[in-house]
C-alpha atoms as a PDB file:
ATOM      1  CA  MET A   1      -9.277 -36.767  32.720  1.00  0.00           C
ATOM      2  CA  PHE A   2      -7.502 -38.815  30.072  1.00  0.00           C
ATOM      3  CA  THR A   3      -4.111 -40.323  29.314  1.00  0.00           C
ATOM      4  CA  VAL A   4      -2.428 -39.700  25.978  1.00  0.00           C
ATOM      5  CA  SER A   5      -2.112 -43.063  24.240  1.00  0.00           C
ATOM      6  CA  GLU A   6       1.241 -44.428  23.146  1.00  0.00           C
ATOM      7  CA  ASP A   7       0.345 -44.276  19.461  1.00  0.00           C
ATOM      8  CA  ALA A   8      -1.181 -40.779  19.581  1.00  0.00           C
ATOM      9  CA  PRO A   9       0.642 -38.106  17.571  1.00  0.00           C
ATOM     10  CA  GLY A  10       1.990 -35.146  19.538  1.00  0.00           C
ATOM     11  CA  GLY A  11      -0.151 -32.019  19.528  1.00  0.00           C
ATOM     12  CA  ARG A  12      -0.991 -28.899  21.472  1.00  0.00           C
ATOM     13  CA  ILE A  13      -3.198 -29.280  24.509  1.00  0.00           C
ATOM     14  CA  ASP A  14      -5.496 -26.421  23.441  1.00  0.00           C
ATOM     15  CA  VAL A  15      -6.143 -28.157  20.112  1.00  0.00           C
ATOM     16  CA  GLU A  16      -6.850 -31.497  21.809  1.00  0.00           C
ATOM     17  CA  LEU A  17      -9.205 -29.974  24.392  1.00  0.00           C
ATOM     18  CA  THR A  18     -10.985 -28.001  21.682  1.00  0.00           C
ATOM     19  CA  ARG A  19     -11.665 -31.308  19.931  1.00  0.00           C
ATOM     20  CA  ARG A  20     -12.844 -32.992  23.130  1.00  0.00           C
ATOM     21  CA  THR A  21     -15.071 -30.170  24.430  1.00  0.00           C
ATOM     22  CA  GLY A  22     -16.439 -28.797  21.183  1.00  0.00           C
ATOM     23  CA  PHE A  23     -15.847 -25.247  22.460  1.00  0.00           C
ATOM     24  CA  SER A  24     -13.990 -22.621  20.459  1.00  0.00           C
ATOM     25  CA  ARG A  25     -10.220 -22.738  20.589  1.00  0.00           C
ATOM     26  CA  SER A  26     -10.052 -19.186  21.944  1.00  0.00           C
ATOM     27  CA  HIS A  27     -12.397 -20.123  24.815  1.00  0.00           C
ATOM     28  CA  VAL A  28     -10.385 -23.264  25.583  1.00  0.00           C
ATOM     29  CA  ALA A  29      -7.061 -21.407  25.458  1.00  0.00           C
ATOM     30  CA  ALA A  30      -8.371 -18.708  27.807  1.00  0.00           C
ATOM     31  CA  ALA A  31      -9.564 -21.370  30.256  1.00  0.00           C
ATOM     32  CA  ILE A  32      -6.175 -23.102  30.151  1.00  0.00           C
ATOM     33  CA  ARG A  33      -4.387 -19.834  30.839  1.00  0.00           C
ATOM     34  CA  ALA A  34      -6.721 -19.352  33.826  1.00  0.00           C
ATOM     35  CA  GLY A  35      -5.576 -22.701  35.289  1.00  0.00           C
ATOM     36  CA  ALA A  36      -8.245 -25.066  33.986  1.00  0.00           C
ATOM     37  CA  ALA A  37      -5.891 -27.794  32.700  1.00  0.00           C
ATOM     38  CA  PHE A  38      -3.049 -29.844  34.200  1.00  0.00           C
ATOM     39  CA  VAL A  39      -0.554 -32.229  32.630  1.00  0.00           C
ATOM     40  CA  ASN A  40       0.964 -34.770  34.999  1.00  0.00           C
ATOM     41  CA  GLY A  41      -0.263 -32.663  37.898  1.00  0.00           C
ATOM     42  CA  GLU A  42       1.330 -29.402  36.694  1.00  0.00           C
ATOM     43  CA  PRO A  43      -0.506 -26.352  35.279  1.00  0.00           C
ATOM     44  CA  ALA A  44      -0.385 -26.339  31.484  1.00  0.00           C
ATOM     45  CA  LYS A  45      -0.016 -23.564  28.928  1.00  0.00           C
ATOM     46  CA  PRO A  46      -2.170 -23.614  25.774  1.00  0.00           C
ATOM     47  CA  SER A  47       0.935 -24.346  23.695  1.00  0.00           C
ATOM     48  CA  ARG A  48       1.951 -27.398  25.775  1.00  0.00           C
ATOM     49  CA  ILE A  49       2.749 -30.315  23.464  1.00  0.00           C
ATOM     50  CA  LEU A  50       1.239 -33.569  24.706  1.00  0.00           C
ATOM     51  CA  GLU A  51       3.406 -36.675  24.779  1.00  0.00           C
ATOM     52  CA  PRO A  52       2.344 -40.341  24.942  1.00  0.00           C
ATOM     53  CA  GLY A  53       1.668 -41.295  28.561  1.00  0.00           C
ATOM     54  CA  ASP A  54       0.834 -37.762  29.721  1.00  0.00           C
ATOM     55  CA  SER A  55      -2.029 -37.607  32.218  1.00  0.00           C
ATOM     56  CA  VAL A  56      -4.342 -34.693  31.473  1.00  0.00           C
ATOM     57  CA  THR A  57      -7.013 -33.319  33.795  1.00  0.00           C
ATOM     58  CA  TYR A  58      -9.206 -30.361  32.895  1.00  0.00           C
ATOM     59  CA  THR A  59     -12.367 -28.538  33.905  1.00  0.00           C
ATOM     60  CA  ILE A  60     -13.605 -26.152  31.238  1.00  0.00           C
ATOM     61  CA  ALA A  61     -17.044 -24.614  31.668  1.00  0.00           C
ATOM     62  CA  PRO A  62     -19.147 -23.807  28.600  1.00  0.00           C
ATOM     63  CA  PRO A  63     -18.888 -20.211  27.408  1.00  0.00           C
ATOM     64  CA  VAL A  64     -21.544 -17.843  28.690  1.00  0.00           C
ATOM     65  CA  VAL A  65     -23.838 -16.775  25.858  1.00  0.00           C
ATOM     66  CA  LEU A  66     -24.374 -13.026  25.871  1.00  0.00           C
ATOM     67  CA  GLU A  67     -27.772 -11.647  24.917  1.00  0.00           C
ATOM     68  CA  VAL A  68     -27.473  -8.746  22.503  1.00  0.00           C
ATOM     69  CA  LEU A  69     -30.352  -6.299  22.809  1.00  0.00           C
ATOM     70  CA  ALA A  70     -31.326  -3.331  20.682  1.00  0.00           C
ATOM     71  CA  GLN A  71     -30.781  -0.060  22.551  1.00  0.00           C
ATOM     72  CA  ASP A  72     -31.825   3.406  21.459  1.00  0.00           C
ATOM     73  CA  LEU A  73     -28.435   5.137  21.648  1.00  0.00           C
ATOM     74  CA  PRO A  74     -27.001   8.091  19.726  1.00  0.00           C
ATOM     75  CA  LEU A  75     -25.725   6.925  16.331  1.00  0.00           C
ATOM     76  CA  ASP A  76     -23.857   9.102  13.833  1.00  0.00           C
ATOM     77  CA  VAL A  77     -24.843   7.649  10.444  1.00  0.00           C
ATOM     78  CA  VAL A  78     -22.551   8.775   7.614  1.00  0.00           C
ATOM     79  CA  PHE A  79     -24.083   6.633   4.843  1.00  0.00           C
ATOM     80  CA  GLU A  80     -26.843   4.042   4.575  1.00  0.00           C
ATOM     81  CA  ASP A  81     -28.643   2.034   1.918  1.00  0.00           C
ATOM     82  CA  GLU A  82     -30.405  -1.340   1.851  1.00  0.00           C
ATOM     83  CA  THR A  83     -27.101  -3.207   1.913  1.00  0.00           C
ATOM     84  CA  LEU A  84     -24.716  -1.440   4.264  1.00  0.00           C
ATOM     85  CA  LEU A  85     -24.188   1.245   6.847  1.00  0.00           C
ATOM     86  CA  VAL A  86     -21.218   3.521   7.568  1.00  0.00           C
ATOM     87  CA  VAL A  87     -21.165   5.100  11.024  1.00  0.00           C
ATOM     88  CA  ASN A  88     -18.858   7.480  12.846  1.00  0.00           C
ATOM     89  CA  LYS A  89     -18.158   5.898  16.253  1.00  0.00           C
ATOM     90  CA  ALA A  90     -17.501   8.158  19.210  1.00  0.00           C
ATOM     91  CA  ALA A  91     -14.426   7.679  21.377  1.00  0.00           C
ATOM     92  CA  GLY A  92     -15.377   5.866  24.569  1.00  0.00           C
ATOM     93  CA  MET A  93     -18.000   3.627  22.924  1.00  0.00           C
ATOM     94  CA  VAL A  94     -17.282  -0.126  22.821  1.00  0.00           C
ATOM     95  CA  THR A  95     -17.810  -1.605  19.351  1.00  0.00           C
ATOM     96  CA  HIS A  96     -19.584  -4.814  20.348  1.00  0.00           C
ATOM     97  CA  PRO A  97     -20.725  -6.571  23.537  1.00  0.00           C
ATOM     98  CA  SER A  98     -18.231  -8.642  25.520  1.00  0.00           C
ATOM     99  CA  HIS A  99     -18.119 -10.012  29.050  1.00  0.00           C
ATOM    100  CA  GLY A 100     -16.657  -6.709  30.173  1.00  0.00           C
ATOM    101  CA  SER A 101     -19.251  -4.550  28.371  1.00  0.00           C
ATOM    102  CA  VAL A 102     -22.556  -6.277  27.818  1.00  0.00           C
ATOM    103  CA  ASP A 103     -24.575  -3.275  26.628  1.00  0.00           C
ATOM    104  CA  ASN A 104     -24.419   0.357  25.440  1.00  0.00           C
ATOM    105  CA  THR A 105     -22.185  -0.700  22.558  1.00  0.00           C
ATOM    106  CA  LEU A 106     -22.256   0.307  18.902  1.00  0.00           C
ATOM    107  CA  VAL A 107     -23.850  -3.024  17.937  1.00  0.00           C
ATOM    108  CA  ASN A 108     -26.662  -2.414  20.443  1.00  0.00           C
ATOM    109  CA  ALA A 109     -27.246   0.997  18.857  1.00  0.00           C
ATOM    110  CA  VAL A 110     -27.153  -0.308  15.279  1.00  0.00           C
ATOM    111  CA  LEU A 111     -29.630  -3.094  16.110  1.00  0.00           C
ATOM    112  CA  ALA A 112     -32.083  -0.473  17.346  1.00  0.00           C
ATOM    113  CA  HIS A 113     -31.544   1.457  14.114  1.00  0.00           C
ATOM    114  CA  THR A 114     -31.846  -1.438  11.644  1.00  0.00           C
ATOM    115  CA  GLY A 115     -33.889  -4.061  13.516  1.00  0.00           C
ATOM    116  CA  THR A 116     -31.747  -7.015  12.440  1.00  0.00           C
ATOM    117  CA  LEU A 117     -28.150  -7.632  11.419  1.00  0.00           C
ATOM    118  CA  PRO A 118     -26.425 -10.662   9.843  1.00  0.00           C
ATOM    119  CA  GLY A 119     -23.645 -12.775  11.287  1.00  0.00           C
ATOM    120  CA  GLU A 120     -22.653 -13.792  14.788  1.00  0.00           C
ATOM    121  CA  PRO A 121     -24.946 -11.939  17.263  1.00  0.00           C
ATOM    122  CA  ILE A 122     -22.093 -10.502  19.337  1.00  0.00           C
ATOM    123  CA  ARG A 123     -20.408  -8.977  16.259  1.00  0.00           C
ATOM    124  CA  ALA A 124     -23.583  -8.615  14.210  1.00  0.00           C
ATOM    125  CA  GLY A 125     -22.930  -6.941  10.869  1.00  0.00           C
ATOM    126  CA  LEU A 126     -19.414  -5.790  11.708  1.00  0.00           C
ATOM    127  CA  VAL A 127     -16.939  -5.878   8.836  1.00  0.00           C
ATOM    128  CA  HIS A 128     -14.162  -4.582  11.123  1.00  0.00           C
ATOM    129  CA  ARG A 129     -13.815  -3.091  14.606  1.00  0.00           C
ATOM    130  CA  LEU A 130     -12.353  -0.122  16.444  1.00  0.00           C
ATOM    131  CA  ASP A 131     -10.954  -0.008  19.965  1.00  0.00           C
ATOM    132  CA  ARG A 132     -13.226   1.581  22.561  1.00  0.00           C
ATOM    133  CA  ASP A 133     -11.345   4.884  22.742  1.00  0.00           C
ATOM    134  CA  THR A 134     -10.585   5.101  19.006  1.00  0.00           C
ATOM    135  CA  SER A 135     -13.139   7.227  17.162  1.00  0.00           C
ATOM    136  CA  GLY A 136     -14.095   7.184  13.522  1.00  0.00           C
ATOM    137  CA  LEU A 137     -15.551   5.284  10.592  1.00  0.00           C
ATOM    138  CA  LEU A 138     -16.915   1.757  10.820  1.00  0.00           C
ATOM    139  CA  LEU A 139     -18.433  -0.339   8.034  1.00  0.00           C
ATOM    140  CA  ILE A 140     -21.465  -2.503   8.859  1.00  0.00           C
ATOM    141  CA  ALA A 141     -23.219  -4.986   6.561  1.00  0.00           C
ATOM    142  CA  LYS A 142     -27.019  -5.239   6.652  1.00  0.00           C
ATOM    143  CA  THR A 143     -27.358  -8.504   4.669  1.00  0.00           C
ATOM    144  CA  GLU A 144     -25.639 -11.895   4.771  1.00  0.00           C
ATOM    145  CA  GLU A 145     -24.453 -11.455   1.183  1.00  0.00           C
ATOM    146  CA  ALA A 146     -22.902  -8.061   1.912  1.00  0.00           C
ATOM    147  CA  LEU A 147     -21.241  -9.358   5.072  1.00  0.00           C
ATOM    148  CA  GLY A 148     -19.621 -12.193   3.122  1.00  0.00           C
ATOM    149  CA  THR A 149     -18.499  -9.990   0.233  1.00  0.00           C
ATOM    150  CA  LEU A 150     -17.124  -7.211   2.437  1.00  0.00           C
ATOM    151  CA  GLY A 151     -15.484  -9.720   4.775  1.00  0.00           C
ATOM    152  CA  ARG A 152     -13.591 -11.234   1.854  1.00  0.00           C
ATOM    153  CA  ALA A 153     -12.638  -7.752   0.631  1.00  0.00           C
ATOM    154  CA  MET A 154     -11.238  -6.990   4.073  1.00  0.00           C
ATOM    155  CA  GLN A 155      -9.210 -10.201   4.090  1.00  0.00           C
ATOM    156  CA  LYS A 156      -7.795  -9.383   0.654  1.00  0.00           C
ATOM    157  CA  ARG A 157      -6.967  -5.817   1.804  1.00  0.00           C
ATOM    158  CA  TYR A 158      -9.256  -4.172  -0.738  1.00  0.00           C
ATOM    159  CA  ILE A 159     -10.872  -1.968   1.912  1.00  0.00           C
ATOM    160  CA  LYS A 160      -8.758   1.125   2.530  1.00  0.00           C
ATOM    161  CA  ARG A 161      -8.611   2.586   6.034  1.00  0.00           C
ATOM    162  CA  GLU A 162      -6.717   5.721   6.947  1.00  0.00           C
ATOM    163  CA  TYR A 163      -6.251   7.086  10.451  1.00  0.00           C
ATOM    164  CA  ARG A 164      -4.999  10.265  12.012  1.00  0.00           C
ATOM    165  CA  GLY A 165      -3.115   9.848  15.237  1.00  0.00           C
ATOM    166  CA  ILE A 166      -0.873  11.747  17.614  1.00  0.00           C
ATOM    167  CA  VAL A 167       2.268  10.091  18.971  1.00  0.00           C
ATOM    168  CA  ALA A 168       4.376  11.050  21.963  1.00  0.00           C
ATOM    169  CA  GLY A 169       7.688  12.264  20.593  1.00  0.00           C
ATOM    170  CA  ILE A 170       8.661  12.987  16.993  1.00  0.00           C
ATOM    171  CA  PRO A 171       9.762  10.086  14.758  1.00  0.00           C
ATOM    172  CA  ARG A 172      13.077  10.687  13.009  1.00  0.00           C
ATOM    173  CA  GLU A 173      11.744   9.461   9.663  1.00  0.00           C
ATOM    174  CA  LEU A 174       9.067  11.654   8.058  1.00  0.00           C
ATOM    175  CA  ASP A 175       7.382   8.573   6.640  1.00  0.00           C
ATOM    176  CA  GLY A 176       7.913   4.884   7.028  1.00  0.00           C
ATOM    177  CA  VAL A 177       6.575   1.353   7.260  1.00  0.00           C
ATOM    178  CA  ILE A 178       6.402  -0.663  10.471  1.00  0.00           C
ATOM    179  CA  ARG A 179       6.422  -4.447  10.117  1.00  0.00           C
ATOM    180  CA  GLY A 180       6.005  -6.614  13.185  1.00  0.00           C
ATOM    181  CA  ALA A 181       3.892  -9.712  13.828  1.00  0.00           C
ATOM    182  CA  ILE A 182       1.403  -9.181  16.651  1.00  0.00           C
ATOM    183  CA  GLY A 183       0.135 -11.605  19.283  1.00  0.00           C
ATOM    184  CA  ARG A 184      -1.069 -11.613  22.869  1.00  0.00           C
ATOM    185  CA  ASP A 185       1.372 -10.245  25.434  1.00  0.00           C
ATOM    186  CA  PRO A 186       2.294 -13.295  27.565  1.00  0.00           C
ATOM    187  CA  HIS A 187       2.676 -11.096  30.649  1.00  0.00           C
ATOM    188  CA  ASN A 188      -0.528  -9.020  30.384  1.00  0.00           C
ATOM    189  CA  ARG A 189      -3.780 -10.357  28.933  1.00  0.00           C
ATOM    190  CA  LEU A 190      -5.036  -6.832  28.239  1.00  0.00           C
ATOM    191  CA  LYS A 191      -2.153  -6.102  25.900  1.00  0.00           C
ATOM    192  CA  TYR A 192      -0.729  -7.265  22.593  1.00  0.00           C
ATOM    193  CA  ALA A 193       2.918  -7.276  21.607  1.00  0.00           C
ATOM    194  CA  ILE A 194       5.246  -7.881  18.685  1.00  0.00           C
ATOM    195  CA  ARG A 195       5.942 -11.609  18.761  1.00  0.00           C
ATOM    196  CA  ALA A 196       7.758 -14.002  16.450  1.00  0.00           C
ATOM    197  CA  ASP A 197       4.747 -16.338  16.557  1.00  0.00           C
ATOM    198  CA  GLY A 198       2.195 -13.538  16.037  1.00  0.00           C
ATOM    199  CA  LYS A 199       0.117 -12.679  12.980  1.00  0.00           C
ATOM    200  CA  PRO A 200       1.811 -10.523  10.305  1.00  0.00           C
ATOM    201  CA  ALA A 201       1.049  -6.820  10.642  1.00  0.00           C
ATOM    202  CA  VAL A 202       2.081  -3.816   8.529  1.00  0.00           C
ATOM    203  CA  THR A 203       1.436  -0.125   9.264  1.00  0.00           C
ATOM    204  CA  HIS A 204       2.365   2.805   6.979  1.00  0.00           C
ATOM    205  CA  TYR A 205       2.715   6.354   8.290  1.00  0.00           C
ATOM    206  CA  GLN A 206       3.504   9.909   7.184  1.00  0.00           C
ATOM    207  CA  LEU A 207       4.232  12.945   9.334  1.00  0.00           C
ATOM    208  CA  ARG A 208       1.445  15.564   9.168  1.00  0.00           C
ATOM    209  CA  GLU A 209       2.566  18.085  11.805  1.00  0.00           C
ATOM    210  CA  ARG A 210       5.315  18.558  14.355  1.00  0.00           C
ATOM    211  CA  LEU A 211       3.946  19.456  17.788  1.00  0.00           C
ATOM    212  CA  HIS A 212       5.487  20.177  21.188  1.00  0.00           C
ATOM    213  CA  ASP A 213       7.232  16.880  22.050  1.00  0.00           C
ATOM    214  CA  ALA A 214       4.674  15.098  19.873  1.00  0.00           C
ATOM    215  CA  ALA A 215       3.642  14.668  16.255  1.00  0.00           C
ATOM    216  CA  GLU A 216       0.473  14.081  14.303  1.00  0.00           C
ATOM    217  CA  LEU A 217       0.673  11.310  11.721  1.00  0.00           C
ATOM    218  CA  THR A 218      -1.425   9.943   8.891  1.00  0.00           C
ATOM    219  CA  LEU A 219      -1.584   6.146   9.160  1.00  0.00           C
ATOM    220  CA  GLN A 220      -2.669   3.410   6.762  1.00  0.00           C
ATOM    221  CA  LEU A 221      -3.332  -0.170   7.789  1.00  0.00           C
ATOM    222  CA  GLU A 222      -2.153  -2.866   5.416  1.00  0.00           C
ATOM    223  CA  THR A 223      -3.433  -5.458   7.905  1.00  0.00           C
ATOM    224  CA  GLY A 224      -5.969  -5.209  10.711  1.00  0.00           C
ATOM    225  CA  ARG A 225      -4.678  -6.761  13.914  1.00  0.00           C
ATOM    226  CA  THR A 226      -6.057  -5.901  17.333  1.00  0.00           C
ATOM    227  CA  HIS A 227      -4.342  -2.768  18.728  1.00  0.00           C
ATOM    228  CA  GLN A 228      -2.071  -2.777  15.644  1.00  0.00           C
ATOM    229  CA  ILE A 229      -1.237   0.939  15.450  1.00  0.00           C
ATOM    230  CA  ARG A 230      -0.875   1.212  19.222  1.00  0.00           C
ATOM    231  CA  VAL A 231       1.436  -1.812  19.469  1.00  0.00           C
ATOM    232  CA  HIS A 232       3.594  -0.805  16.496  1.00  0.00           C
ATOM    233  CA  PHE A 233       4.247   2.735  17.672  1.00  0.00           C
ATOM    234  CA  ALA A 234       4.815   1.701  21.284  1.00  0.00           C
ATOM    235  CA  ALA A 235       7.445  -0.750  20.024  1.00  0.00           C
ATOM    236  CA  LEU A 236       8.989   2.029  17.921  1.00  0.00           C
ATOM    237  CA  GLY A 237       9.326   4.162  21.061  1.00  0.00           C
ATOM    238  CA  PHE A 238       6.586   6.640  20.123  1.00  0.00           C
ATOM    239  CA  PRO A 239       3.373   5.422  21.791  1.00  0.00           C
ATOM    240  CA  ILE A 240       0.067   6.922  20.747  1.00  0.00           C
ATOM    241  CA  PHE A 241      -0.490  10.049  22.839  1.00  0.00           C
ATOM    242  CA  ASN A 242      -2.705   9.582  25.929  1.00  0.00           C
ATOM    243  CA  ASP A 243      -2.775   5.781  25.508  1.00  0.00           C
ATOM    244  CA  PRO A 244      -3.468   4.309  28.975  1.00  0.00           C
ATOM    245  CA  ILE A 245      -2.265   0.803  28.048  1.00  0.00           C
ATOM    246  CA  TYR A 246       0.771   1.271  25.797  1.00  0.00           C
ATOM    247  CA  GLY A 247       1.783   4.746  26.922  1.00  0.00           C
ATOM    248  CA  LYS A 248       0.341   6.979  29.623  1.00  0.00           C
ATOM    249  CA  LEU A 249      -2.544   9.374  30.139  1.00  0.00           C
ATOM    250  CA  ASP A 250      -1.647  13.034  29.712  1.00  0.00           C
ATOM    251  CA  PRO A 251      -3.564  15.828  31.524  1.00  0.00           C
ATOM    252  CA  ARG A 252      -3.272  18.065  28.452  1.00  0.00           C
ATOM    253  CA  SER A 253      -5.762  15.893  26.572  1.00  0.00           C
ATOM    254  CA  PRO A 254      -9.542  15.774  27.197  1.00  0.00           C
ATOM    255  CA  LEU A 255      -9.743  12.505  25.238  1.00  0.00           C
ATOM    256  CA  PRO A 256     -10.832   9.381  27.191  1.00  0.00           C
ATOM    257  CA  GLY A 257      -7.877   7.444  25.797  1.00  0.00           C
ATOM    258  CA  GLN A 258      -5.530   7.206  22.834  1.00  0.00           C
ATOM    259  CA  ALA A 259      -5.473  10.067  20.308  1.00  0.00           C
ATOM    260  CA  LEU A 260      -6.466   7.960  17.324  1.00  0.00           C
ATOM    261  CA  HIS A 261      -9.212   8.624  14.772  1.00  0.00           C
ATOM    262  CA  ALA A 262     -10.328   6.431  11.847  1.00  0.00           C
ATOM    263  CA  TRP A 263     -10.459   9.313   9.403  1.00  0.00           C
ATOM    264  CA  ARG A 264     -11.050   7.861   5.944  1.00  0.00           C
ATOM    265  CA  LEU A 265     -12.683   4.707   4.605  1.00  0.00           C
ATOM    266  CA  GLY A 266     -12.802   3.500   1.005  1.00  0.00           C
ATOM    267  CA  PHE A 267     -14.289   0.340  -0.519  1.00  0.00           C
ATOM    268  CA  LYS A 268     -16.257  -1.076  -3.459  1.00  0.00           C
ATOM    269  CA  HIS A 269     -19.996  -1.394  -2.869  1.00  0.00           C
ATOM    270  CA  PRO A 270     -20.794  -5.138  -2.647  1.00  0.00           C
ATOM    271  CA  VAL A 271     -23.848  -4.823  -4.954  1.00  0.00           C
ATOM    272  CA  THR A 272     -23.434  -1.816  -7.256  1.00  0.00           C
ATOM    273  CA  LYS A 273     -19.613  -2.185  -7.445  1.00  0.00           C
ATOM    274  CA  GLU A 274     -19.338   1.593  -7.151  1.00  0.00           C
ATOM    275  CA  MET A 275     -16.216   2.860  -5.389  1.00  0.00           C
ATOM    276  CA  LEU A 276     -17.239   4.684  -2.215  1.00  0.00           C
ATOM    277  CA  SER A 277     -15.120   6.870   0.029  1.00  0.00           C
ATOM    278  CA  PHE A 278     -15.949   8.666   3.258  1.00  0.00           C
ATOM    279  CA  GLU A 279     -14.230  11.053   5.637  1.00  0.00           C
ATOM    280  CA  ALA A 280     -15.103  11.704   9.291  1.00  0.00           C
ATOM    281  CA  PRO A 281     -14.211  15.106  10.787  1.00  0.00           C
ATOM    282  CA  LEU A 282     -11.889  15.179  13.771  1.00  0.00           C
ATOM    283  CA  PRO A 283     -13.756  15.005  17.109  1.00  0.00           C
ATOM    284  CA  PRO A 284     -13.634  18.198  19.225  1.00  0.00           C
ATOM    285  CA  ASP A 285     -11.545  16.514  21.952  1.00  0.00           C
ATOM    286  CA  TYR A 286      -8.970  15.427  19.357  1.00  0.00           C
ATOM    287  CA  VAL A 287      -8.824  18.996  17.984  1.00  0.00           C
ATOM    288  CA  ALA A 288      -8.439  20.348  21.530  1.00  0.00           C
ATOM    289  CA  THR A 289      -5.534  17.950  22.089  1.00  0.00           C
ATOM    290  CA  LEU A 290      -3.850  19.175  18.907  1.00  0.00           C
ATOM    291  CA  ASP A 291      -4.301  22.805  20.012  1.00  0.00           C
ATOM    292  CA  ALA A 292      -2.854  22.071  23.445  1.00  0.00           C
ATOM    293  CA  LEU A 293       0.208  20.419  21.916  1.00  0.00           C
ATOM    294  CA  ARG A 294       0.719  23.268  19.469  1.00  0.00           C
ATOM    295  CA  ARG A 295       1.033  25.628  22.419  1.00  0.00           C
END
């Protein structure tokens, strides 16, 4: 418990409690949303601005450290050298451990394959991520130097990622650009939404094929926000087909979730500077979904 002093500048409660606890801001914000902090006896939101004289009480437990173990799991390796690894992730496989999925993830499988990986243990080696039910190409660094170089390339949008996806309904425009900042949905912690205070996000798309009350699109990410494609097309009124969070499951599809596949990946090798490009074939369940919608 503490009282905000009269000469203290105003600031957000999540920032102040991050400073006081030493925990990550995301951990502190999640705890506040779960009811761990009160201002003048009332539950606070992470964005609450503290004023001089405010009485703040909080109880924030330290984050639980997950142990990441190597597990001998099937791994579809597309390319590998001493510096990096490109894998084709199956739909239904979680990319990295979290409190909801502590094992049987792609990172567990890659650790068994390589022995060690650089970076934060939970996201060891990952240059980017894919949602659990999104299949396709993932880039993994095997050295600290490669992780830093490829991470900077991702931030500067030098790494090209192209998806194929099926949407429910047929967009009027044959190609287009969707711009909409993305942040957490304030009403559902499992979802993201277009928000004025979110992070900028841009998705490009082109129509590949008209289907029965659906369409297959080619999609390029200009940015890489969580659930970006799914959020953008749900907001446009054409959610990704079979998406259980932003749309609905459809019995015509054998896919475990959204019909979305990270199809192509292109980047400059962090050591040789050679331009590399890879393509992952469509999974059988995605092809079966296309065939069902053609009928």
